[in-house]
């Protein structure tokens, strides 16, 4: 598994299919701050709670000139259902190829109930206006996380 880019490193460029059709790229957020959060699977309890929390603070992130993008390996159709079911207004990227997930060091071997499988680690990155990693939250615990990221976004020039 590749390493998560450290603070101060340039964010790896990407272009992904996104919910609703079309694509989303790192360059779409040039000159703005970006919360890039990776979640294991749409419409599961933790991922739903995290998406709802970020979505609920969307206006506050906008005031901090910070965009939000959620990324998982789920197909676009599943992302669309997830967005509709929970009335989410944040964009969701789909990386079924896992190339972008690997570039960000969040795709790797996981273990549950003794079974090993490949999956996504719940990680959040705050990318600065200059395209470098300003902050990394590895092994995210969902409760209170969106609020913590918002405070960091507000503090980042």
N, C-alpha and C. Protein backbone atom coordinates (compact mmCIF):
# COMPACT_ATOMS: atom_id res chain seq x y z
N UNK A 1 0.85 -1.18 0.00
CA UNK A 1 0.00 0.00 0.00
C UNK A 1 0.89 1.24 0.00
N UNK A 2 0.57 2.19 -0.86
CA UNK A 2 1.30 3.45 -0.91
C UNK A 2 1.03 4.24 0.38
N UNK A 3 1.90 5.15 0.68
CA UNK A 3 1.74 5.99 1.86
C UNK A 3 0.78 7.13 1.58
N UNK A 4 0.09 7.58 2.61
CA UNK A 4 -0.74 8.78 2.50
C UNK A 4 0.22 9.95 2.32
N UNK A 5 -0.04 10.84 1.35
CA UNK A 5 0.88 11.98 1.17
C UNK A 5 0.97 12.79 2.47
N UNK A 6 2.19 13.14 2.87
CA UNK A 6 2.35 13.87 4.14
C UNK A 6 1.99 15.35 3.99
N UNK A 7 1.81 15.98 5.12
CA UNK A 7 1.56 17.42 5.14
C UNK A 7 2.68 18.12 4.39
N UNK A 8 2.32 19.07 3.53
CA UNK A 8 3.29 19.83 2.75
C UNK A 8 3.55 19.24 1.37
N UNK A 9 3.16 17.99 1.14
CA UNK A 9 3.36 17.36 -0.18
C UNK A 9 2.28 17.84 -1.15
N UNK A 10 2.61 17.84 -2.45
CA UNK A 10 1.57 18.18 -3.42
C UNK A 10 0.50 17.09 -3.45
N UNK A 11 -0.75 17.50 -3.55
CA UNK A 11 -1.84 16.54 -3.65
C UNK A 11 -1.78 15.88 -5.03
N UNK A 12 -1.85 14.55 -5.10
CA UNK A 12 -1.83 13.88 -6.41
C UNK A 12 -3.03 14.29 -7.26
N UNK A 13 -2.75 14.61 -8.52
CA UNK A 13 -3.83 15.00 -9.45
C UNK A 13 -4.74 13.81 -9.70
N UNK A 14 -6.00 14.08 -9.98
CA UNK A 14 -6.95 13.02 -10.30
C UNK A 14 -8.10 13.59 -11.14
N UNK A 15 -8.73 12.71 -11.87
CA UNK A 15 -10.00 12.97 -12.53
C UNK A 15 -10.82 11.70 -12.36
N UNK A 16 -12.01 11.85 -11.78
CA UNK A 16 -12.87 10.70 -11.49
C UNK A 16 -14.27 10.91 -12.04
N UNK A 17 -14.96 9.81 -12.39
CA UNK A 17 -16.39 9.94 -12.66
C UNK A 17 -17.07 10.37 -11.36
N UNK A 18 -18.15 11.12 -11.48
CA UNK A 18 -18.82 11.60 -10.27
C UNK A 18 -20.32 11.37 -10.35
N UNK A 19 -20.94 11.49 -9.19
CA UNK A 19 -22.38 11.35 -9.12
C UNK A 19 -23.04 12.28 -10.13
N UNK A 20 -24.16 11.85 -10.66
CA UNK A 20 -24.91 12.69 -11.59
C UNK A 20 -24.31 12.76 -12.98
N UNK A 21 -23.22 12.05 -13.22
CA UNK A 21 -22.56 12.09 -14.53
C UNK A 21 -21.44 13.11 -14.55
N UNK A 22 -20.63 13.07 -15.56
CA UNK A 22 -19.50 13.97 -15.67
C UNK A 22 -18.32 13.51 -14.83
N UNK A 23 -17.37 14.39 -14.66
CA UNK A 23 -16.16 14.06 -13.90
C UNK A 23 -15.87 15.16 -12.89
N UNK A 24 -15.00 14.84 -11.97
CA UNK A 24 -14.50 15.79 -11.00
C UNK A 24 -12.99 15.61 -10.94
N UNK A 25 -12.26 16.73 -10.92
CA UNK A 25 -10.80 16.71 -10.92
C UNK A 25 -10.26 17.59 -9.81
N UNK A 26 -9.05 17.29 -9.37
CA UNK A 26 -8.40 18.15 -8.39
C UNK A 26 -8.33 19.58 -8.92
N UNK A 27 -8.06 19.73 -10.21
CA UNK A 27 -7.92 21.07 -10.80
C UNK A 27 -9.21 21.89 -10.74
N UNK A 28 -10.36 21.22 -10.57
CA UNK A 28 -11.64 21.94 -10.44
C UNK A 28 -11.65 22.83 -9.20
N UNK A 29 -10.78 22.53 -8.23
CA UNK A 29 -10.77 23.24 -6.96
C UNK A 29 -9.57 24.17 -6.83
N UNK A 30 -8.89 24.41 -7.93
CA UNK A 30 -7.70 25.27 -7.93
C UNK A 30 -8.02 26.63 -7.31
N UNK A 31 -7.17 27.06 -6.37
CA UNK A 31 -7.36 28.36 -5.72
C UNK A 31 -8.31 28.31 -4.54
N UNK A 32 -8.90 27.15 -4.27
CA UNK A 32 -9.79 26.98 -3.11
C UNK A 32 -9.21 25.90 -2.21
N UNK A 33 -9.66 25.88 -0.98
CA UNK A 33 -9.32 24.79 -0.09
C UNK A 33 -10.28 23.63 -0.38
N UNK A 34 -9.82 22.41 -0.16
CA UNK A 34 -10.63 21.24 -0.45
C UNK A 34 -10.52 20.22 0.69
N UNK A 35 -11.66 19.80 1.18
CA UNK A 35 -11.73 18.65 2.09
C UNK A 35 -11.94 17.44 1.20
N UNK A 36 -10.99 16.54 1.19
CA UNK A 36 -11.07 15.32 0.41
C UNK A 36 -11.20 14.17 1.42
N UNK A 37 -12.42 13.63 1.49
CA UNK A 37 -12.59 12.54 2.46
C UNK A 37 -12.89 11.24 1.74
N UNK A 38 -12.23 10.20 2.22
CA UNK A 38 -12.36 8.86 1.65
C UNK A 38 -13.21 8.02 2.58
N UNK A 39 -14.19 7.34 2.02
CA UNK A 39 -15.07 6.51 2.84
C UNK A 39 -15.20 5.12 2.21
N UNK A 40 -15.29 4.09 3.06
CA UNK A 40 -15.26 2.71 2.55
C UNK A 40 -16.43 2.31 1.65
N UNK A 41 -17.67 2.65 2.02
CA UNK A 41 -18.79 2.12 1.25
C UNK A 41 -20.04 2.96 1.47
N UNK A 42 -20.63 3.42 0.38
CA UNK A 42 -21.85 4.23 0.45
C UNK A 42 -22.97 3.46 1.14
N UNK A 43 -23.77 4.19 1.89
CA UNK A 43 -24.98 3.68 2.53
C UNK A 43 -24.71 2.61 3.59
N UNK A 44 -23.56 2.72 4.25
CA UNK A 44 -23.29 1.91 5.43
C UNK A 44 -23.35 2.88 6.62
N UNK A 45 -23.54 2.40 7.83
CA UNK A 45 -23.78 3.32 8.95
C UNK A 45 -22.73 4.42 9.16
N UNK A 46 -21.44 4.06 9.23
CA UNK A 46 -20.41 5.07 9.47
C UNK A 46 -20.28 6.04 8.31
N UNK A 47 -20.33 5.51 7.11
CA UNK A 47 -20.17 6.37 5.92
C UNK A 47 -21.37 7.31 5.76
N UNK A 48 -22.54 6.82 6.10
CA UNK A 48 -23.74 7.66 6.04
C UNK A 48 -23.64 8.78 7.06
N UNK A 49 -23.25 8.44 8.28
CA UNK A 49 -23.12 9.45 9.34
C UNK A 49 -22.09 10.51 8.95
N UNK A 50 -20.98 10.07 8.38
CA UNK A 50 -19.93 11.01 7.97
C UNK A 50 -20.42 11.93 6.85
N UNK A 51 -21.07 11.37 5.84
CA UNK A 51 -21.58 12.17 4.72
C UNK A 51 -22.61 13.18 5.20
N UNK A 52 -23.52 12.76 6.06
CA UNK A 52 -24.55 13.67 6.58
C UNK A 52 -23.90 14.79 7.40
N UNK A 53 -22.86 14.47 8.17
CA UNK A 53 -22.17 15.49 8.97
C UNK A 53 -21.50 16.53 8.07
N UNK A 54 -20.75 16.08 7.06
CA UNK A 54 -20.12 17.04 6.14
C UNK A 54 -21.17 17.84 5.39
N UNK A 55 -22.22 17.17 4.93
CA UNK A 55 -23.28 17.85 4.19
C UNK A 55 -23.96 18.91 5.06
N UNK A 56 -24.18 18.59 6.34
CA UNK A 56 -24.83 19.52 7.24
C UNK A 56 -24.01 20.77 7.52
N UNK A 57 -22.70 20.67 7.37
CA UNK A 57 -21.81 21.82 7.59
C UNK A 57 -21.38 22.48 6.29
N UNK A 58 -22.00 22.08 5.19
CA UNK A 58 -21.61 22.57 3.86
C UNK A 58 -21.57 24.10 3.80
N UNK A 59 -22.60 24.77 4.34
CA UNK A 59 -22.65 26.24 4.30
C UNK A 59 -21.49 26.85 5.09
N UNK A 60 -21.14 26.23 6.20
CA UNK A 60 -20.01 26.73 7.00
C UNK A 60 -18.69 26.53 6.26
N UNK A 61 -18.55 25.39 5.59
CA UNK A 61 -17.35 25.17 4.78
C UNK A 61 -17.28 26.19 3.65
N UNK A 62 -18.43 26.49 3.03
CA UNK A 62 -18.46 27.49 1.96
C UNK A 62 -17.98 28.84 2.48
N UNK A 63 -18.43 29.23 3.68
CA UNK A 63 -17.99 30.50 4.28
C UNK A 63 -16.48 30.51 4.48
N UNK A 64 -15.90 29.33 4.69
CA UNK A 64 -14.45 29.19 4.87
C UNK A 64 -13.74 28.97 3.52
N UNK A 65 -14.47 29.21 2.42
CA UNK A 65 -13.96 29.02 1.05
C UNK A 65 -13.34 27.64 0.88
N UNK A 66 -14.07 26.64 1.35
CA UNK A 66 -13.59 25.26 1.32
C UNK A 66 -14.63 24.36 0.68
N UNK A 67 -14.23 23.65 -0.36
CA UNK A 67 -15.10 22.69 -1.02
C UNK A 67 -14.95 21.34 -0.33
N UNK A 68 -15.92 20.45 -0.55
CA UNK A 68 -15.90 19.11 0.04
C UNK A 68 -16.09 18.11 -1.09
N UNK A 69 -15.31 17.04 -1.08
CA UNK A 69 -15.46 15.95 -2.04
C UNK A 69 -15.29 14.63 -1.31
N UNK A 70 -16.30 13.78 -1.41
CA UNK A 70 -16.21 12.43 -0.86
C UNK A 70 -15.83 11.47 -1.97
N UNK A 71 -14.98 10.49 -1.68
CA UNK A 71 -14.54 9.52 -2.69
C UNK A 71 -14.60 8.11 -2.10
N UNK A 72 -15.16 7.19 -2.90
CA UNK A 72 -15.13 5.77 -2.56
C UNK A 72 -14.95 4.99 -3.86
N UNK A 73 -14.88 3.68 -3.73
CA UNK A 73 -14.75 2.83 -4.91
C UNK A 73 -16.13 2.38 -5.43
N UNK A 74 -17.19 2.89 -4.83
CA UNK A 74 -18.54 2.53 -5.27
C UNK A 74 -18.79 3.03 -6.69
N UNK A 75 -19.57 2.29 -7.48
CA UNK A 75 -19.93 2.77 -8.82
C UNK A 75 -20.80 4.03 -8.73
N UNK A 76 -20.79 4.82 -9.79
CA UNK A 76 -21.54 6.07 -9.83
C UNK A 76 -23.02 5.84 -9.51
N UNK A 77 -23.61 4.77 -10.03
CA UNK A 77 -25.04 4.51 -9.77
C UNK A 77 -25.31 4.37 -8.27
N UNK A 78 -24.40 3.73 -7.55
CA UNK A 78 -24.58 3.57 -6.10
C UNK A 78 -24.40 4.92 -5.40
N UNK A 79 -23.45 5.73 -5.89
CA UNK A 79 -23.25 7.08 -5.33
C UNK A 79 -24.52 7.91 -5.53
N UNK A 80 -25.13 7.81 -6.72
CA UNK A 80 -26.35 8.56 -7.00
C UNK A 80 -27.47 8.17 -6.04
N UNK A 81 -27.65 6.87 -5.82
CA UNK A 81 -28.70 6.40 -4.89
C UNK A 81 -28.43 6.91 -3.48
N UNK A 82 -27.17 6.86 -3.06
CA UNK A 82 -26.75 7.33 -1.73
C UNK A 82 -27.08 8.81 -1.57
N UNK A 83 -26.73 9.61 -2.57
CA UNK A 83 -27.00 11.05 -2.51
C UNK A 83 -28.49 11.33 -2.43
N UNK A 84 -29.26 10.64 -3.24
CA UNK A 84 -30.71 10.85 -3.26
C UNK A 84 -31.34 10.42 -1.95
N UNK A 85 -30.97 9.25 -1.45
CA UNK A 85 -31.55 8.70 -0.23
C UNK A 85 -31.36 9.63 0.96
N UNK A 86 -30.19 10.27 1.06
CA UNK A 86 -29.88 11.11 2.21
C UNK A 86 -29.86 12.60 1.87
N UNK A 87 -30.34 12.96 0.69
CA UNK A 87 -30.45 14.36 0.27
C UNK A 87 -29.11 15.11 0.44
N UNK A 88 -28.05 14.49 -0.08
CA UNK A 88 -26.71 15.07 0.03
C UNK A 88 -26.46 16.06 -1.10
N UNK A 89 -25.82 17.16 -0.77
CA UNK A 89 -25.48 18.18 -1.77
C UNK A 89 -23.99 18.27 -2.05
N UNK A 90 -23.20 17.37 -1.48
CA UNK A 90 -21.76 17.39 -1.74
C UNK A 90 -21.44 16.42 -2.87
N UNK A 91 -20.45 16.74 -3.69
CA UNK A 91 -20.09 15.84 -4.79
C UNK A 91 -19.42 14.57 -4.26
N UNK A 92 -19.68 13.47 -4.96
CA UNK A 92 -19.08 12.18 -4.62
C UNK A 92 -18.37 11.63 -5.84
N UNK A 93 -17.10 11.31 -5.68
CA UNK A 93 -16.31 10.74 -6.76
C UNK A 93 -16.27 9.23 -6.66
N UNK A 94 -16.18 8.58 -7.80
CA UNK A 94 -16.14 7.12 -7.86
C UNK A 94 -14.82 6.66 -8.45
N UNK A 95 -14.07 5.87 -7.69
CA UNK A 95 -12.81 5.35 -8.19
C UNK A 95 -12.84 3.82 -8.19
N UNK A 96 -13.61 3.26 -9.11
CA UNK A 96 -13.69 1.80 -9.21
C UNK A 96 -12.35 1.18 -9.60
N UNK A 97 -11.50 1.92 -10.30
CA UNK A 97 -10.19 1.41 -10.70
C UNK A 97 -9.22 1.37 -9.52
N UNK A 98 -9.47 2.14 -8.50
CA UNK A 98 -8.67 2.33 -7.29
C UNK A 98 -7.34 3.05 -7.54
N UNK A 99 -7.10 3.56 -8.75
CA UNK A 99 -5.82 4.23 -9.05
C UNK A 99 -5.65 5.48 -8.19
N UNK A 100 -6.68 6.29 -8.08
CA UNK A 100 -6.59 7.50 -7.27
C UNK A 100 -6.51 7.14 -5.78
N UNK A 101 -7.28 6.14 -5.36
CA UNK A 101 -7.23 5.70 -3.97
C UNK A 101 -5.84 5.22 -3.61
N UNK A 102 -5.20 4.52 -4.52
CA UNK A 102 -3.83 4.05 -4.29
C UNK A 102 -2.85 5.22 -4.24
N UNK A 103 -3.04 6.21 -5.12
CA UNK A 103 -2.14 7.38 -5.14
C UNK A 103 -2.21 8.14 -3.82
N UNK A 104 -3.37 8.11 -3.18
CA UNK A 104 -3.54 8.80 -1.90
C UNK A 104 -3.25 7.89 -0.71
N UNK A 105 -2.86 6.65 -0.97
CA UNK A 105 -2.46 5.74 0.09
C UNK A 105 -3.59 5.26 0.98
N UNK A 106 -4.82 5.26 0.46
CA UNK A 106 -5.96 4.87 1.28
C UNK A 106 -6.55 3.51 0.89
N UNK A 107 -6.00 2.88 -0.15
CA UNK A 107 -6.47 1.57 -0.60
C UNK A 107 -5.47 0.52 -0.14
N UNK A 108 -5.94 -0.49 0.57
CA UNK A 108 -5.02 -1.52 1.02
C UNK A 108 -5.75 -2.66 1.69
N UNK A 109 -4.96 -3.56 2.24
CA UNK A 109 -5.52 -4.75 2.88
C UNK A 109 -6.14 -4.38 4.23
N UNK A 110 -7.34 -4.87 4.42
CA UNK A 110 -8.06 -4.67 5.67
C UNK A 110 -8.42 -6.05 6.21
N UNK A 111 -8.86 -6.09 7.44
CA UNK A 111 -9.24 -7.35 8.04
C UNK A 111 -10.49 -7.15 8.89
N UNK A 112 -11.46 -8.05 8.71
CA UNK A 112 -12.67 -8.01 9.53
C UNK A 112 -13.08 -9.43 9.84
N UNK A 113 -13.26 -9.71 11.12
CA UNK A 113 -13.64 -11.06 11.58
C UNK A 113 -12.69 -12.12 11.03
N UNK A 114 -11.39 -11.79 10.98
CA UNK A 114 -10.38 -12.73 10.53
C UNK A 114 -10.25 -12.87 9.03
N UNK A 115 -11.12 -12.19 8.28
CA UNK A 115 -11.08 -12.27 6.82
C UNK A 115 -10.33 -11.06 6.28
N UNK A 116 -9.38 -11.31 5.40
CA UNK A 116 -8.61 -10.21 4.78
C UNK A 116 -9.23 -9.86 3.43
N UNK A 117 -9.25 -8.58 3.14
CA UNK A 117 -9.80 -8.11 1.87
C UNK A 117 -9.21 -6.73 1.56
N UNK A 118 -9.34 -6.32 0.32
CA UNK A 118 -8.86 -5.00 -0.08
C UNK A 118 -9.99 -3.98 0.10
N UNK A 119 -9.64 -2.82 0.63
CA UNK A 119 -10.66 -1.80 0.87
C UNK A 119 -10.06 -0.44 1.15
N UNK A 120 -10.93 0.48 1.47
CA UNK A 120 -10.56 1.88 1.69
C UNK A 120 -10.46 2.17 3.18
N UNK A 121 -9.38 2.81 3.57
CA UNK A 121 -9.25 3.31 4.93
C UNK A 121 -10.00 4.65 5.01
N UNK A 122 -10.67 4.89 6.12
CA UNK A 122 -11.38 6.16 6.32
C UNK A 122 -10.34 7.23 6.67
N UNK A 123 -10.03 8.06 5.70
CA UNK A 123 -8.99 9.09 5.83
C UNK A 123 -9.55 10.40 5.27
N UNK A 124 -9.17 11.52 5.87
CA UNK A 124 -9.55 12.84 5.35
C UNK A 124 -8.29 13.67 5.18
N UNK A 125 -8.25 14.42 4.07
CA UNK A 125 -7.16 15.36 3.82
C UNK A 125 -7.75 16.75 3.61
N UNK A 126 -7.06 17.74 4.12
CA UNK A 126 -7.39 19.13 3.83
C UNK A 126 -6.30 19.63 2.89
N UNK A 127 -6.71 20.02 1.70
CA UNK A 127 -5.77 20.50 0.68
C UNK A 127 -5.87 22.01 0.61
N UNK A 128 -4.73 22.66 0.67
CA UNK A 128 -4.70 24.13 0.65
C UNK A 128 -4.92 24.70 -0.74
N UNK A 129 -5.08 26.00 -0.79
CA UNK A 129 -5.31 26.71 -2.06
C UNK A 129 -4.18 26.47 -3.06
N UNK A 130 -2.99 26.18 -2.54
CA UNK A 130 -1.81 25.97 -3.39
C UNK A 130 -1.68 24.53 -3.89
N UNK A 131 -2.65 23.67 -3.53
CA UNK A 131 -2.62 22.29 -4.01
C UNK A 131 -1.76 21.36 -3.18
N UNK A 132 -1.30 21.83 -2.02
CA UNK A 132 -0.51 20.95 -1.15
C UNK A 132 -1.37 20.46 0.02
N UNK A 133 -0.97 19.34 0.59
CA UNK A 133 -1.68 18.75 1.72
C UNK A 133 -1.42 19.63 2.95
N UNK A 134 -2.48 20.20 3.51
CA UNK A 134 -2.34 21.05 4.68
C UNK A 134 -2.50 20.26 5.98
N UNK A 135 -3.32 19.20 5.92
CA UNK A 135 -3.57 18.41 7.13
C UNK A 135 -4.07 17.03 6.72
N UNK A 136 -3.74 16.03 7.51
CA UNK A 136 -4.17 14.65 7.26
C UNK A 136 -4.80 14.09 8.53
N UNK A 137 -5.95 13.46 8.37
CA UNK A 137 -6.60 12.74 9.47
C UNK A 137 -6.64 11.26 9.07
N UNK A 138 -5.69 10.44 9.55
CA UNK A 138 -5.74 9.01 9.25
C UNK A 138 -6.66 8.32 10.27
N UNK A 139 -7.18 7.18 9.91
CA UNK A 139 -8.01 6.37 10.82
C UNK A 139 -9.08 7.21 11.51
N UNK A 140 -9.90 7.87 10.72
CA UNK A 140 -10.93 8.78 11.20
C UNK A 140 -11.97 8.07 12.06
N UNK A 141 -12.31 8.69 13.15
CA UNK A 141 -13.48 8.32 13.95
C UNK A 141 -14.56 9.35 13.56
N UNK A 142 -15.71 8.87 13.15
CA UNK A 142 -16.72 9.73 12.52
C UNK A 142 -17.29 10.81 13.45
N UNK A 143 -17.61 10.45 14.67
CA UNK A 143 -18.26 11.41 15.59
C UNK A 143 -17.37 12.62 15.83
N UNK A 144 -17.89 13.80 15.50
CA UNK A 144 -17.17 15.06 15.71
C UNK A 144 -16.12 15.37 14.66
N UNK A 145 -15.92 14.46 13.69
CA UNK A 145 -14.85 14.65 12.71
C UNK A 145 -15.10 15.84 11.79
N UNK A 146 -16.30 15.97 11.23
CA UNK A 146 -16.59 17.06 10.29
C UNK A 146 -16.36 18.42 10.97
N UNK A 147 -16.73 18.53 12.24
CA UNK A 147 -16.53 19.78 12.98
C UNK A 147 -15.04 20.07 13.15
N UNK A 148 -14.25 19.05 13.43
CA UNK A 148 -12.80 19.23 13.58
C UNK A 148 -12.17 19.69 12.27
N UNK A 149 -12.61 19.10 11.16
CA UNK A 149 -12.09 19.48 9.84
C UNK A 149 -12.50 20.92 9.51
N UNK A 150 -13.72 21.29 9.86
CA UNK A 150 -14.18 22.66 9.63
C UNK A 150 -13.30 23.66 10.37
N UNK A 151 -12.97 23.37 11.63
CA UNK A 151 -12.10 24.28 12.40
C UNK A 151 -10.72 24.41 11.72
N UNK A 152 -10.19 23.32 11.22
CA UNK A 152 -8.89 23.36 10.52
C UNK A 152 -9.01 24.15 9.24
N UNK A 153 -10.11 24.01 8.52
CA UNK A 153 -10.31 24.77 7.27
C UNK A 153 -10.42 26.26 7.57
N UNK A 154 -11.11 26.61 8.63
CA UNK A 154 -11.23 28.02 9.01
C UNK A 154 -9.86 28.61 9.36
N UNK A 155 -9.01 27.81 10.00
CA UNK A 155 -7.70 28.28 10.46
C UNK A 155 -6.68 28.38 9.32
N UNK A 156 -6.95 27.69 8.22
CA UNK A 156 -6.02 27.68 7.08
C UNK A 156 -6.28 28.91 6.21
N UNK A 157 -5.23 29.68 5.96
CA UNK A 157 -5.38 30.91 5.16
C UNK A 157 -5.79 30.62 3.74
